[in-house]
Amino acid sequence: MNIGIDFDNTIVKYDNLFKEVAITEGFIKESWNGNGKTVLRNHLRRQPDGETTWMKLQGLVYGKHMLGAEIMPGVANFLLSCNMRKYRIFIVSHKTEYGHYDPEKFPLRKEALKWMEIRRFFDPEYFGLDRENVFFADTREEKVNKIAQLKCDWFIDDLPEVFDEKHFPNSTNKILFGSYTPEQFQNITVLNSWRKISEKILGQITNQDVVFWAKDIVDESMENVEKILGRGNSTVYKIDVPGEKSYVLKHYPDQLVDNRPRLETEFKALQMLYEHGIKNVPQPIEKNYDLNLGLYEWINGKKVDKPIVDDLDQAVQFAEKLYILSKQIDGNHIGIASEACLSAYELVSQIENRYSRLNAQSNEHMELAIFLEEVFDPLWKKVKNESTSLWPEESRMQNLPRNKQTLSSSDFGFHNCVKACDGSLIFLDFDYFGWDDPVKLTADFIWHPAMNLNIELKKKWNVAMLKLFSGDPYFEERLNAAMPLYGMRWALIVLNEFLPELAQKRRDADGSKEYDLEKRQRIQFKKATQYCERVKNTVFRFAFA
């Protein structure tokens, strides 16, 4: 198979680099908070001589600063899989010799080749491209003629204008890469991520693909690779190596769909915990950011389906370790946890944003529409008013001060741990790790649908958390105000299967051929209804008519 690929903004991701260079050159202020190349371009073009400024910036980024560019998420995995299959890859780019308005005359094509060389594009043991299969064209017409000459089975480009060229070969399948509306284009497949492109051209990821990817971070020969089903949003594999030794290989969600740096967050979090003597977590071994892969210690153990008092005690001890660590470190290099709720305002906003996204799908799902209108809405109005009125003033609208926050995995519970042979619990999944209100950690532990806690364990957990965070005079008051809100939040979270993108992520991570979306939706819909009933019956300081 012959596969042709454009270079700029298809293989190479410039978004962060454009912003960095624009700040360095004084085109924008450091405080500018826009995001993405397109947003920056539009911003500059609105300024006096904006078009000239933009062209100057392009010349600098594609030339002098080219080596600072990133590889597009998912490209590395795709190229490795193509190399394994012995498919021929051609890079065909419309790129002039020199940039516009570049007085230093950096050779753009040489810099592009240097970037590819550094990233092992021409290494037979890695991406395996032939240097002779990289072509630069002075014009778009020349580029299209080269695609025809190469007899590409597929061509991938981020610009629809390329496919509109009258001489574009009819025999070549067209993939338009980017956030375009598919209905706009005929005979063109529109895909917004390289993971989807890979699936379209190569099919589903195989164990052989995984082995080929992992060779760069697993020093030993791999005897067996097994996909672990039911591990949430990431795809997880058990890798066996000689000597009865095993690893976990974690392939994180596509960063073009979910831009949270999950690999970086989790790997650095586990490194920090290990460095500070917190060892009841998997040891981080190696990572590859380009491939979006993390390698970790494999823990032999079993799920905690029916937690006992000893399990609860270990969970409390781990929460305490995180809180003590929060007081010992500087922590400025650590971001806030994913979906942290540091104020009543933020918590309410998250709930209402989730509601809006689900409501947008209600035309397709009558049951969902009825639930939102007749069950959720009336209860939400009561909970929102009561909870926000009881929330302590200090963090009602403003973020909770750092000295009252705690480090949190943000998805803490028995659903994210295994029990080792000696009865000790090993806690997993730190890709949401960061600073958060301890109230969220406390409440989510109670409300999470997978927790299966009896009344005794719930009471024991609440008492332990009240003691642990007793240094905060408003902790209990905030917890009482927040508990019904978190119940309402979870009533919406369990309905993620009604959101197409999130449902697809679940399906991909699950990996089961028997994955039945409609069945999953029915189950989750029942859970959502039960959550609303639990909120009504929750006795804190609330009385519902």
Protein backbone atom coordinates (compact mmCIF):
# COMPACT_ATOMS: atom_id res chain seq x y z
CA MET A 1 0.00 0.00 0.00
CA ASN A 2 1.19 3.53 -0.86
CA ILE A 3 0.13 6.22 1.62
CA GLY A 4 0.78 9.91 0.98
CA ILE A 5 0.75 12.46 3.78
CA ASP A 6 0.98 16.24 3.88
CA PHE A 7 3.57 17.68 6.29
CA ASP A 8 2.68 21.01 7.93
CA ASN A 9 -0.30 20.84 10.31
CA THR A 10 -0.87 17.21 9.38
CA ILE A 11 2.27 15.47 10.60
CA VAL A 12 3.61 18.49 12.48
CA LYS A 13 1.73 20.33 15.22
CA TYR A 14 2.70 23.98 15.54
CA ASP A 15 0.05 25.39 17.88
CA ASN A 16 2.24 25.86 20.95
CA LEU A 17 5.26 26.94 18.90
CA PHE A 18 3.34 29.67 17.06
CA LYS A 19 2.29 31.18 20.37
CA GLU A 20 5.79 30.93 21.88
CA VAL A 21 7.46 32.58 18.88
CA ALA A 22 4.77 35.27 18.63
CA ILE A 23 5.45 36.21 22.27
CA THR A 24 9.24 36.13 21.79
CA GLU A 25 9.00 38.38 18.72
CA GLY A 26 6.64 40.80 20.42
CA PHE A 27 3.68 40.11 18.09
CA ILE A 28 1.46 39.34 21.09
CA LYS A 29 1.71 39.94 24.83
CA GLU A 30 2.65 37.11 27.17
CA SER A 31 -0.75 37.48 28.83
CA TRP A 32 -2.60 36.65 25.58
CA ASN A 33 -4.82 33.67 26.42
CA GLY A 34 -5.91 32.46 23.00
CA ASN A 35 -5.44 28.83 22.08
CA GLY A 36 -4.43 27.29 18.77
CA LYS A 37 -2.83 28.40 15.52
CA THR A 38 -6.09 29.46 13.84
CA VAL A 39 -7.15 31.65 16.75
CA LEU A 40 -3.72 33.34 16.77
CA ARG A 41 -3.78 33.88 12.99
CA ASN A 42 -7.21 35.52 13.15
CA HIS A 43 -6.07 37.68 16.06
CA LEU A 44 -2.99 38.93 14.20
CA ARG A 45 -4.87 39.54 10.96
CA ARG A 46 -7.17 41.98 12.77
CA GLN A 47 -4.17 44.16 13.67
CA PRO A 48 -2.63 46.86 11.39
CA ASP A 49 -0.42 45.11 8.81
CA GLY A 50 -1.75 41.89 10.32
CA GLU A 51 -1.35 39.79 7.17
CA THR A 52 2.31 40.76 6.89
CA THR A 53 2.86 40.00 10.59
CA TRP A 54 1.27 36.59 10.16
CA MET A 55 3.47 35.76 7.17
CA LYS A 56 6.58 36.85 9.11
CA LEU A 57 5.54 34.59 11.98
CA GLN A 58 5.01 31.65 9.61
CA GLY A 59 8.49 32.13 8.14
CA LEU A 60 10.05 32.10 11.62
CA VAL A 61 8.12 29.06 12.82
CA TYR A 62 8.67 26.95 9.71
CA GLY A 63 12.33 27.98 9.49
CA LYS A 64 14.42 29.29 12.39
CA HIS A 65 12.25 27.71 15.09
CA MET A 66 11.17 24.56 13.23
CA LEU A 67 12.97 22.16 15.57
CA GLY A 68 10.71 23.28 18.41
CA ALA A 69 7.59 21.92 16.69
CA GLU A 70 5.76 18.83 18.00
CA ILE A 71 4.68 15.71 16.19
CA MET A 72 0.91 15.54 15.77
CA PRO A 73 -0.68 13.22 18.38
CA GLY A 74 -1.24 9.75 16.93
CA VAL A 75 1.10 10.15 13.94
CA ALA A 76 3.93 8.18 15.59
CA ASN A 77 1.66 5.20 16.32
CA PHE A 78 0.36 5.25 12.74
CA LEU A 79 3.81 5.39 11.16
CA LEU A 80 5.14 2.57 13.33
CA SER A 81 2.16 0.39 12.42
CA CYS A 82 2.72 1.16 8.73
CA ASN A 83 6.40 0.25 9.05
CA MET A 84 5.46 -3.05 10.65
CA ARG A 85 3.15 -3.80 7.70
CA LYS A 86 5.84 -2.71 5.19
CA TYR A 87 3.55 -0.04 3.70
CA ARG A 88 5.27 2.74 1.78
CA ILE A 89 4.88 6.24 3.18
CA PHE A 90 5.37 9.34 1.01
CA ILE A 91 5.46 12.86 2.42
CA VAL A 92 4.37 15.42 -0.16
CA SER A 93 4.40 19.02 1.01
CA HIS A 94 3.70 22.38 -0.58
CA LYS A 95 6.68 24.15 0.96
CA THR A 96 8.82 26.88 -0.62
CA GLU A 97 12.60 26.97 -0.24
CA TYR A 98 12.54 30.09 1.97
CA GLY A 99 9.94 31.76 4.15
CA HIS A 100 8.23 35.03 3.31
CA TYR A 101 9.65 38.12 5.00
CA ASP A 102 12.54 36.13 6.48
CA PRO A 103 15.69 38.29 6.29
CA GLU A 104 17.84 35.42 7.60
CA LYS A 105 16.71 33.12 4.77
CA PHE A 106 16.43 29.93 6.77
CA PRO A 107 16.04 27.00 4.34
CA LEU A 108 12.56 25.67 5.18
CA ARG A 109 12.97 22.33 3.45
CA LYS A 110 16.31 21.58 5.12
CA GLU A 111 14.85 22.45 8.53
CA ALA A 112 11.89 20.14 7.88
CA LEU A 113 14.24 17.27 6.95
CA LYS A 114 16.35 17.98 10.03
CA TRP A 115 13.19 17.82 12.19
CA MET A 116 12.31 14.44 10.66
CA GLU A 117 15.86 13.16 11.11
CA ILE A 118 15.86 14.04 14.81
CA ARG A 119 12.52 12.31 15.29
CA ARG A 120 13.77 9.09 13.63
CA PHE A 121 11.57 9.26 10.54
CA PHE A 122 14.37 7.64 8.52
CA ASP A 123 15.39 5.03 11.11
CA PRO A 124 14.57 1.56 9.67
CA GLU A 125 13.87 0.32 13.21
CA TYR A 126 11.45 3.14 13.94
CA PHE A 127 9.28 4.92 11.35
CA GLY A 128 11.30 3.49 8.46
CA LEU A 129 10.66 6.16 5.79
CA ASP A 130 13.01 6.52 2.83
CA ARG A 131 14.48 10.00 2.66
CA GLU A 132 13.92 9.85 -1.10
CA ASN A 133 10.19 9.55 -0.44
CA VAL A 134 9.95 13.08 0.95
CA PHE A 135 8.94 15.63 -1.69
CA PHE A 136 8.59 19.41 -1.52
CA ALA A 137 6.61 21.33 -4.12
CA ASP A 138 6.72 25.00 -5.04
CA THR A 139 3.03 25.07 -5.97
CA ARG A 140 -0.13 23.19 -5.07
CA GLU A 141 -0.43 21.99 -8.67
CA GLU A 142 3.06 20.50 -8.50
CA LYS A 143 2.12 18.78 -5.25
CA VAL A 144 -0.99 17.19 -6.77
CA ASN A 145 0.95 16.03 -9.83
CA LYS A 146 3.46 14.32 -7.54
CA ILE A 147 0.63 12.55 -5.65
CA ALA A 148 -0.66 11.23 -8.98
CA GLN A 149 2.81 10.17 -10.07
CA LEU A 150 3.35 8.21 -6.83
CA LYS A 151 0.03 6.36 -7.31
CA CYS A 152 -0.97 6.88 -3.70
CA ASP A 153 -3.79 4.66 -2.47
CA TRP A 154 -4.55 7.22 0.24
CA PHE A 155 -3.64 10.85 0.74
CA ILE A 156 -4.06 12.71 4.03
CA ASP A 157 -4.11 16.52 4.11
CA ASP A 158 -5.46 19.26 6.34
CA LEU A 159 -6.45 21.57 3.44
CA PRO A 160 -9.55 20.81 1.34
CA GLU A 161 -8.14 22.98 -1.45
CA VAL A 162 -5.64 20.22 -2.27
CA PHE A 163 -8.45 17.78 -3.02
CA ASP A 164 -10.25 20.44 -5.06
CA GLU A 165 -7.37 20.63 -7.57
CA LYS A 166 -8.71 19.44 -10.93
CA HIS A 167 -5.80 17.07 -11.49
CA PHE A 168 -6.08 15.31 -8.13
CA PRO A 169 -6.16 11.58 -9.03
CA ASN A 170 -9.57 9.92 -8.80
CA SER A 171 -7.96 6.62 -7.81
CA THR A 172 -6.56 8.08 -4.57
CA ASN A 173 -8.74 7.91 -1.46
CA LYS A 174 -8.98 11.32 0.22
CA ILE A 175 -8.79 11.90 3.96
CA LEU A 176 -9.28 15.46 5.16
CA PHE A 177 -7.70 15.87 8.57
CA GLY A 178 -9.19 18.42 10.95
CA SER A 179 -12.35 19.71 12.58
CA TYR A 180 -14.41 20.06 9.43
CA THR A 181 -18.11 19.32 8.92
CA PRO A 182 -18.25 16.08 6.89
CA GLU A 183 -21.45 17.10 5.11
CA GLN A 184 -19.54 19.89 3.34
CA PHE A 185 -17.49 17.46 1.25
CA GLN A 186 -18.27 14.79 -1.31
CA ASN A 187 -16.06 11.74 -1.80
CA ILE A 188 -13.80 12.90 1.02
CA THR A 189 -13.49 11.18 4.40
CA VAL A 190 -13.29 13.80 7.16
CA LEU A 191 -11.52 12.68 10.36
CA ASN A 192 -10.37 14.81 13.30
CA SER A 193 -7.73 12.51 14.81
CA TRP A 194 -4.91 10.24 13.72
CA ARG A 195 -6.36 7.41 15.78
CA LYS A 196 -9.43 7.51 13.55
CA ILE A 197 -7.25 7.76 10.43
CA SER A 198 -5.33 4.69 11.55
CA GLU A 199 -8.53 2.77 12.13
CA LYS A 200 -9.84 3.80 8.70
CA ILE A 201 -6.71 2.70 6.80
CA LEU A 202 -5.20 -0.03 8.99
CA GLY A 203 -8.18 -1.35 10.94
CA GLN A 204 -8.30 -2.05 14.67
CA ILE A 205 -5.11 -2.00 16.73
CA THR A 206 -3.63 -5.48 17.03
CA ASN A 207 -1.35 -6.98 19.66
CA GLN A 208 1.37 -6.97 17.01
CA ASP A 209 0.95 -3.20 16.70
CA VAL A 210 1.31 -2.86 20.46
CA VAL A 211 4.49 -4.95 20.50
CA PHE A 212 5.97 -2.83 17.71
CA TRP A 213 5.08 0.38 19.57
CA ALA A 214 6.45 -0.85 22.86
CA LYS A 215 9.85 -1.99 21.57
CA ASP A 216 11.24 1.47 22.20
CA ILE A 217 10.35 1.53 25.91
CA VAL A 218 10.50 -2.18 26.87
CA ASP A 219 14.13 -3.25 26.93
CA GLU A 220 13.35 -6.94 27.23
CA SER A 221 11.81 -9.24 24.63
CA MET A 222 8.05 -9.53 24.97
CA GLU A 223 6.59 -13.02 25.34
CA ASN A 224 2.92 -12.13 25.49
CA VAL A 225 0.62 -9.11 25.19
CA GLU A 226 -2.89 -9.17 26.62
CA LYS A 227 -5.47 -6.41 26.46
CA ILE A 228 -7.09 -5.72 29.83
CA LEU A 229 -10.78 -5.01 29.35
CA GLY A 230 -12.86 -2.53 31.29
CA ARG A 231 -10.15 -0.03 32.23
CA GLY A 232 -12.09 3.17 31.64
CA ASN A 233 -10.87 5.70 29.09
CA SER A 234 -7.35 4.38 28.47
CA THR A 235 -6.45 1.18 26.67
CA VAL A 236 -4.40 -1.04 28.96
CA TYR A 237 -2.23 -4.04 28.12
CA LYS A 238 -0.39 -6.59 30.25
CA ILE A 239 3.04 -7.31 28.80
CA ASP A 240 4.89 -10.45 29.87
CA VAL A 241 8.68 -10.64 29.56
CA PRO A 242 11.09 -13.51 30.36
CA GLY A 243 11.59 -14.39 34.01
CA GLU A 244 7.93 -14.29 35.14
CA LYS A 245 8.02 -10.52 34.97
CA SER A 246 5.18 -8.34 33.70
CA TYR A 247 4.41 -4.70 32.98
CA VAL A 248 1.38 -2.54 32.37
CA LEU A 249 1.42 -0.63 29.09
CA LYS A 250 -1.10 2.19 29.05
CA HIS A 251 -2.21 3.86 25.82
CA TYR A 252 -3.88 7.11 26.80
CA PRO A 253 -6.89 8.78 25.12
CA ASP A 254 -6.30 10.63 21.87
CA GLN A 255 -4.98 14.10 22.71
CA LEU A 256 -6.67 15.63 19.68
CA VAL A 257 -10.02 14.60 21.17
CA ASP A 258 -9.09 15.06 24.84
CA ASN A 259 -6.20 17.52 25.18
CA ARG A 260 -5.51 16.84 28.85
CA PRO A 261 -1.87 15.67 29.23
CA ARG A 262 -2.85 12.44 30.96
CA LEU A 263 0.39 10.55 30.37
CA GLU A 264 2.54 13.39 31.67
CA THR A 265 0.25 13.96 34.66
CA GLU A 266 0.14 10.33 35.74
CA PHE A 267 3.81 9.51 35.16
CA LYS A 268 5.08 12.57 37.03
CA ALA A 269 2.56 12.05 39.85
CA LEU A 270 3.69 8.47 40.42
CA GLN A 271 7.35 9.51 40.24
CA MET A 272 6.72 12.13 42.92
CA LEU A 273 4.83 9.72 45.16
CA TYR A 274 7.62 7.16 44.88
CA GLU A 275 10.26 9.79 45.64
CA HIS A 276 8.39 10.69 48.83
CA GLY A 277 8.07 7.10 50.03
CA ILE A 278 4.46 6.49 49.00
CA LYS A 279 4.83 3.03 47.47
CA ASN A 280 1.27 1.64 47.39
CA VAL A 281 0.98 2.78 43.78
CA PRO A 282 2.39 1.25 40.58
CA GLN A 283 6.02 2.13 39.99
CA PRO A 284 6.49 4.20 36.81
CA ILE A 285 9.07 2.59 34.51
CA GLU A 286 9.24 4.46 31.17
CA LYS A 287 7.16 6.67 28.89
CA ASN A 288 7.01 7.88 25.29
CA TYR A 289 5.10 11.11 24.81
CA ASP A 290 5.04 10.86 21.00
CA LEU A 291 3.41 7.43 21.20
CA ASN A 292 1.24 8.46 24.17
CA LEU A 293 2.42 5.35 26.05
CA GLY A 294 3.30 4.81 29.70
CA LEU A 295 4.98 1.68 31.10
CA TYR A 296 4.33 0.74 34.73
CA GLU A 297 4.86 -2.04 37.22
CA TRP A 298 2.30 -4.87 36.97
CA ILE A 299 0.57 -5.60 40.27
CA ASN A 300 -0.81 -9.08 40.83
CA GLY A 301 -4.04 -8.67 42.69
CA LYS A 302 -7.81 -8.77 42.57
CA LYS A 303 -10.62 -6.25 42.44
CA VAL A 304 -12.17 -4.92 45.63
CA ASP A 305 -15.82 -5.71 44.89
CA LYS A 306 -16.98 -5.95 48.49
CA PRO A 307 -14.86 -3.63 50.62
CA ILE A 308 -14.35 -4.40 54.30
CA VAL A 309 -13.27 -2.22 57.22
CA ASP A 310 -9.57 -2.90 56.60
CA ASP A 311 -9.95 -1.71 53.00
CA LEU A 312 -11.59 1.48 54.21
CA ASP A 313 -8.78 2.03 56.73
CA GLN A 314 -6.19 1.72 53.95
CA ALA A 315 -8.10 4.22 51.78
CA VAL A 316 -8.14 6.68 54.69
CA GLN A 317 -4.41 6.18 55.24
CA PHE A 318 -3.70 6.87 51.56
CA ALA A 319 -5.81 10.05 51.60
CA GLU A 320 -3.85 11.10 54.69
CA LYS A 321 -0.51 10.46 52.95
CA LEU A 322 -1.58 12.71 50.07
CA TYR A 323 -2.69 15.43 52.47
CA ILE A 324 0.57 15.28 54.46
CA LEU A 325 2.52 15.45 51.19
CA SER A 326 0.44 18.51 50.24
CA LYS A 327 1.86 20.30 53.27
CA GLN A 328 5.46 19.18 52.67
CA ILE A 329 6.07 20.21 49.05
CA ASP A 330 6.09 23.50 47.20
CA GLY A 331 3.56 22.18 44.70
CA ASN A 332 3.61 25.14 42.31
CA HIS A 333 4.71 22.79 39.52
CA ILE A 334 1.58 20.70 40.03
CA GLY A 335 -1.61 21.78 38.28
CA ILE A 336 -5.13 21.50 39.57
CA ALA A 337 -6.77 18.10 39.29
CA SER A 338 -8.88 17.36 36.25
CA GLU A 339 -12.40 18.71 36.83
CA ALA A 340 -11.36 20.07 40.21
CA CYS A 341 -14.09 21.92 42.09
CA LEU A 342 -12.45 24.68 44.10
CA SER A 343 -15.59 26.79 44.57
CA ALA A 344 -19.35 26.46 44.64
CA TYR A 345 -19.43 28.47 41.42
CA GLU A 346 -17.11 25.98 39.65
CA LEU A 347 -19.07 22.96 40.86
CA VAL A 348 -22.40 24.43 39.74
CA SER A 349 -20.87 25.45 36.38
CA GLN A 350 -19.60 21.91 35.75
CA ILE A 351 -23.03 20.45 36.46
CA GLU A 352 -24.78 22.92 34.19
CA ASN A 353 -22.25 22.37 31.39
CA ARG A 354 -22.84 18.61 31.61
CA TYR A 355 -26.56 19.26 31.53
CA SER A 356 -26.26 21.40 28.38
CA ARG A 357 -24.27 18.72 26.55
CA LEU A 358 -26.80 16.02 27.44
CA ASN A 359 -29.72 18.27 26.63
CA ALA A 360 -28.30 18.76 23.13
CA GLN A 361 -28.75 14.99 22.61
CA SER A 362 -32.28 14.85 24.01
CA ASN A 363 -33.93 15.20 20.59
CA GLU A 364 -32.45 11.81 19.71
CA HIS A 365 -33.42 10.17 23.00
CA MET A 366 -36.98 10.68 24.27
CA GLU A 367 -36.30 9.00 27.64
CA LEU A 368 -33.37 11.34 28.22
CA ALA A 369 -35.51 14.38 27.40
CA ILE A 370 -38.22 13.29 29.86
CA PHE A 371 -35.67 12.55 32.59
CA LEU A 372 -33.97 15.94 32.27
CA GLU A 373 -37.21 17.90 32.16
CA GLU A 374 -39.34 16.02 34.70
CA VAL A 375 -36.87 14.43 37.12
CA PHE A 376 -33.59 16.32 37.07
CA ASP A 377 -34.70 19.94 36.51
CA PRO A 378 -37.10 20.36 39.47
CA LEU A 379 -34.68 18.70 41.87
CA TRP A 380 -31.71 20.66 40.54
CA LYS A 381 -33.40 24.01 41.19
CA LYS A 382 -33.92 23.08 44.85
CA VAL A 383 -30.46 21.62 45.36
CA LYS A 384 -28.68 24.50 43.64
CA ASN A 385 -30.44 27.18 45.69
CA GLU A 386 -30.11 25.38 49.03
CA SER A 387 -26.50 24.29 48.55
CA THR A 388 -25.12 27.61 47.32
CA SER A 389 -26.88 29.52 50.11
CA LEU A 390 -25.27 27.26 52.73
CA TRP A 391 -21.81 27.29 51.13
CA PRO A 392 -19.19 29.23 53.18
CA GLU A 393 -18.53 32.66 51.74
CA GLU A 394 -14.74 32.17 51.38
CA SER A 395 -15.07 29.69 48.50
CA ARG A 396 -18.56 30.36 47.18
CA MET A 397 -17.35 32.38 44.19
CA GLN A 398 -13.56 32.39 44.65
CA ASN A 399 -11.24 29.39 44.62
CA LEU A 400 -10.46 27.72 47.90
CA PRO A 401 -7.05 28.94 49.17
CA ARG A 402 -4.13 26.60 48.34
CA ASN A 403 -3.39 25.95 52.03
CA LYS A 404 -6.81 24.28 52.34
CA GLN A 405 -6.49 22.17 49.19
CA THR A 406 -5.11 18.65 48.99
CA LEU A 407 -3.37 16.57 46.36
CA SER A 408 -5.87 14.19 44.85
CA SER A 409 -6.06 11.52 42.15
CA SER A 410 -9.50 13.01 41.41
CA ASP A 411 -10.93 9.54 40.78
CA PHE A 412 -10.11 7.95 44.10
CA GLY A 413 -11.83 4.80 45.30
CA PHE A 414 -11.89 1.02 45.37
CA HIS A 415 -12.77 0.95 41.68
CA ASN A 416 -9.25 2.22 41.03
CA CYS A 417 -7.21 -0.15 43.13
CA VAL A 418 -6.25 -3.81 43.41
CA LYS A 419 -5.74 -5.93 46.51
CA ALA A 420 -2.36 -7.64 46.52
CA CYS A 421 -1.79 -11.13 47.87
CA ASP A 422 -0.81 -9.77 51.30
CA GLY A 423 -4.07 -7.78 51.57
CA SER A 424 -2.50 -4.39 50.88
CA LEU A 425 -4.24 -2.05 48.47
CA ILE A 426 -2.42 -0.60 45.48
CA PHE A 427 -4.11 2.54 44.14
CA LEU A 428 -4.27 3.11 40.37
CA ASP A 429 -5.09 5.76 37.76
CA PHE A 430 -3.47 9.11 38.48
CA ASP A 431 -3.98 10.75 35.08
CA TYR A 432 -6.38 13.27 36.68
CA PHE A 433 -3.96 14.03 39.55
CA GLY A 434 -3.55 17.52 41.02
CA TRP A 435 -4.81 20.04 43.57
CA ASP A 436 -8.43 19.91 44.64
CA ASP A 437 -10.85 20.67 47.43
CA PRO A 438 -10.76 17.72 49.89
CA VAL A 439 -14.55 17.98 49.92
CA LYS A 440 -14.60 16.65 46.35
CA LEU A 441 -12.39 13.69 47.30
CA THR A 442 -14.67 12.98 50.28
CA ALA A 443 -17.93 13.31 48.37
CA ASP A 444 -16.87 11.39 45.24
CA PHE A 445 -15.73 8.48 47.41
CA ILE A 446 -19.29 8.23 48.70
CA TRP A 447 -21.15 8.91 45.47
CA HIS A 448 -19.09 7.00 42.86
CA PRO A 449 -21.32 4.29 41.31
CA ALA A 450 -18.63 1.61 41.56
CA MET A 451 -17.90 2.05 45.26
CA ASN A 452 -20.53 -0.30 46.77
CA LEU A 453 -20.14 1.01 50.32
CA ASN A 454 -22.47 -0.06 53.11
CA ILE A 455 -23.78 2.42 55.70
CA GLU A 456 -21.09 1.49 58.22
CA LEU A 457 -18.25 2.20 55.78
CA LYS A 458 -19.82 5.47 54.61
CA LYS A 459 -20.07 6.71 58.20
CA LYS A 460 -16.53 5.57 58.97
CA TRP A 461 -15.21 7.38 55.89
CA ASN A 462 -17.04 10.63 56.73
CA VAL A 463 -15.82 10.57 60.35
CA ALA A 464 -12.24 9.94 59.20
CA MET A 465 -12.34 12.80 56.67
CA LEU A 466 -13.82 15.21 59.21
CA LYS A 467 -10.91 14.36 61.50
CA LEU A 468 -8.25 14.52 58.74
CA PHE A 469 -9.32 17.95 57.51
CA SER A 470 -10.32 19.37 60.91
CA GLY A 471 -7.70 22.11 60.49
CA ASP A 472 -10.07 23.77 58.02
CA PRO A 473 -12.85 25.35 60.12
CA TYR A 474 -15.22 25.40 57.13
CA PHE A 475 -14.59 21.85 55.87
CA GLU A 476 -17.69 20.29 57.47
CA GLU A 477 -19.91 23.19 56.47
CA ARG A 478 -18.64 23.00 52.89
CA LEU A 479 -19.09 19.22 52.81
CA ASN A 480 -22.71 19.46 53.97
CA ALA A 481 -23.46 22.06 51.35
CA ALA A 482 -21.68 20.15 48.59
CA MET A 483 -22.93 16.58 49.09
CA PRO A 484 -26.27 16.98 47.25
CA LEU A 485 -24.51 18.87 44.45
CA TYR A 486 -22.12 15.98 43.91
CA GLY A 487 -25.04 13.58 43.84
CA MET A 488 -26.62 15.64 41.06
CA ARG A 489 -23.25 15.77 39.27
CA TRP A 490 -23.00 11.99 39.31
CA ALA A 491 -26.57 11.68 38.03
CA LEU A 492 -25.29 13.36 34.85
CA ILE A 493 -21.85 11.70 34.69
CA VAL A 494 -23.41 8.24 34.45
CA LEU A 495 -25.25 9.41 31.34
CA ASN A 496 -22.01 9.95 29.37
CA GLU A 497 -23.03 7.03 27.14
CA PHE A 498 -25.53 9.41 25.54
CA LEU A 499 -22.68 11.67 24.35
CA PRO A 500 -21.31 10.25 21.07
CA GLU A 501 -17.62 11.11 21.55
CA LEU A 502 -17.50 9.84 25.14
CA ALA A 503 -19.46 6.72 24.29
CA GLN A 504 -16.95 5.95 21.52
CA LYS A 505 -14.03 6.38 23.95
CA ARG A 506 -15.67 3.92 26.32
CA ARG A 507 -16.25 1.48 23.49
CA ASP A 508 -12.62 1.73 22.31
CA ALA A 509 -11.22 1.30 25.80
CA ASP A 510 -13.55 -1.60 26.60
CA GLY A 511 -12.47 -3.51 23.54
CA SER A 512 -15.26 -6.02 23.85
CA LYS A 513 -16.93 -7.15 20.62
CA GLU A 514 -20.14 -7.56 22.63
CA TYR A 515 -20.23 -3.91 23.68
CA ASP A 516 -23.92 -3.00 23.47
CA LEU A 517 -24.40 0.79 23.57
CA GLU A 518 -28.19 0.71 23.88
CA LYS A 519 -27.98 -1.75 26.74
CA ARG A 520 -25.34 0.41 28.45
CA GLN A 521 -27.58 3.47 28.02
CA ARG A 522 -30.52 1.69 29.66
CA ILE A 523 -28.36 0.67 32.61
CA GLN A 524 -26.90 4.16 33.03
CA PHE A 525 -30.33 5.78 32.72
CA LYS A 526 -31.56 3.66 35.62
CA LYS A 527 -28.51 4.72 37.67
CA ALA A 528 -29.21 8.40 36.98
CA THR A 529 -32.77 8.04 38.22
CA GLN A 530 -31.51 6.29 41.36
CA TYR A 531 -29.04 9.10 42.00
CA CYS A 532 -31.83 11.67 41.98
CA GLU A 533 -33.80 9.55 44.45
CA ARG A 534 -30.75 9.26 46.71
CA VAL A 535 -30.27 13.03 46.65
CA LYS A 536 -33.93 13.51 47.69
CA ASN A 537 -33.46 11.08 50.56
CA THR A 538 -30.06 12.33 51.66
CA VAL A 539 -30.30 13.82 55.10
CA PHE A 540 -27.75 16.53 55.68
CA ARG A 541 -29.19 19.97 56.22
CA PHE A 542 -31.72 19.71 53.45
CA ALA A 543 -35.46 19.27 53.50
CA PHE A 544 -37.18 18.74 50.19
CA ALA A 545 -40.86 19.32 49.85
